[in-house]
């Protein structure tokens, strides 16, 4: 299992490189996170846990506003 900082660094490198596809990582507690990207832009995110965590990730990335 990757540490959060290693997983974050990997994802950021892929986005900076203009990746297209689906990036998968496993977080603490066995939570699976899938980021769907095209040309380095996040199109969608799927998490195996609750909606609140997913919404926080989207809000933190600026994809959606926190008040939505």
Protein backbone atom coordinates (compact mmCIF):
# COMPACT_ATOMS: atom_id res chain seq x y z
CA UNK A 1 0.00 0.00 0.00
CA UNK A 2 1.34 3.45 -0.89
CA UNK A 3 1.69 6.13 1.72
CA UNK A 4 -0.63 9.09 1.05
CA UNK A 5 2.29 11.31 0.07
CA UNK A 6 3.72 8.71 -2.36
CA UNK A 7 0.31 8.17 -3.94
CA UNK A 8 -0.24 11.92 -4.24
CA UNK A 9 3.21 12.43 -5.81
CA UNK A 10 2.55 9.66 -8.32
CA UNK A 11 -0.82 11.11 -9.33
CA UNK A 12 0.60 14.62 -9.66
CA UNK A 13 3.46 13.35 -11.84
CA UNK A 14 0.96 11.60 -14.11
CA UNK A 15 -1.21 14.70 -14.38
CA UNK A 16 1.82 16.91 -15.09
CA UNK A 17 2.86 14.46 -17.82
CA UNK A 18 -0.55 14.83 -19.49
CA UNK A 19 -1.68 11.29 -18.76
CA UNK A 20 -4.86 9.85 -20.26
CA UNK A 21 -6.56 6.83 -18.72
CA UNK A 22 -7.48 5.59 -15.27
CA UNK A 23 -5.13 5.89 -12.31
CA UNK A 24 -5.79 3.54 -9.39
CA UNK A 25 -4.47 3.69 -5.85
CA UNK A 26 -5.33 2.06 -2.54
CA UNK A 27 -5.63 4.33 0.48
CA UNK A 28 -5.63 3.60 4.20
CA UNK A 29 -8.35 1.20 5.28
CA UNK A 30 -8.36 -0.55 1.91
CA UNK A 31 -10.22 2.26 0.17
CA UNK A 32 -9.71 2.11 -3.59
CA UNK A 33 -9.55 5.37 -5.50
CA UNK A 34 -9.78 5.61 -9.29
CA UNK A 35 -9.07 8.85 -11.16
CA UNK A 36 -10.18 9.07 -14.77
CA UNK A 37 -8.01 11.58 -16.63
CA UNK A 38 -7.60 12.90 -20.14
CA UNK A 39 -4.54 14.88 -21.19
CA UNK A 40 -3.70 15.54 -17.52
CA UNK A 41 -7.16 16.81 -16.56
CA UNK A 42 -9.32 14.96 -14.03
CA UNK A 43 -12.61 13.93 -15.64
CA UNK A 44 -14.04 11.81 -12.84
CA UNK A 45 -13.14 10.16 -9.55
CA UNK A 46 -14.53 7.00 -7.99
CA UNK A 47 -13.92 5.88 -4.41
CA UNK A 48 -14.98 2.63 -2.84
CA UNK A 49 -16.17 4.42 0.31
CA UNK A 50 -18.79 7.07 1.07
CA UNK A 51 -19.80 10.04 -1.06
CA UNK A 52 -18.49 12.61 1.43
CA UNK A 53 -14.89 11.54 0.88
CA UNK A 54 -15.33 11.74 -2.88
CA UNK A 55 -16.92 15.17 -2.67
CA UNK A 56 -14.07 16.42 -0.45
CA UNK A 57 -11.54 15.21 -3.01
CA UNK A 58 -13.37 16.94 -5.84
CA UNK A 59 -13.75 20.16 -3.83
CA UNK A 60 -10.07 20.12 -2.82
CA UNK A 61 -9.02 19.73 -6.45
CA UNK A 62 -11.24 22.66 -7.47
CA UNK A 63 -13.34 20.43 -9.74
CA UNK A 64 -16.53 21.36 -7.87
CA UNK A 65 -17.22 24.21 -5.47
CA UNK A 66 -17.35 23.27 -1.75
CA UNK A 67 -20.91 24.59 -1.38
CA UNK A 68 -22.36 22.14 -3.93
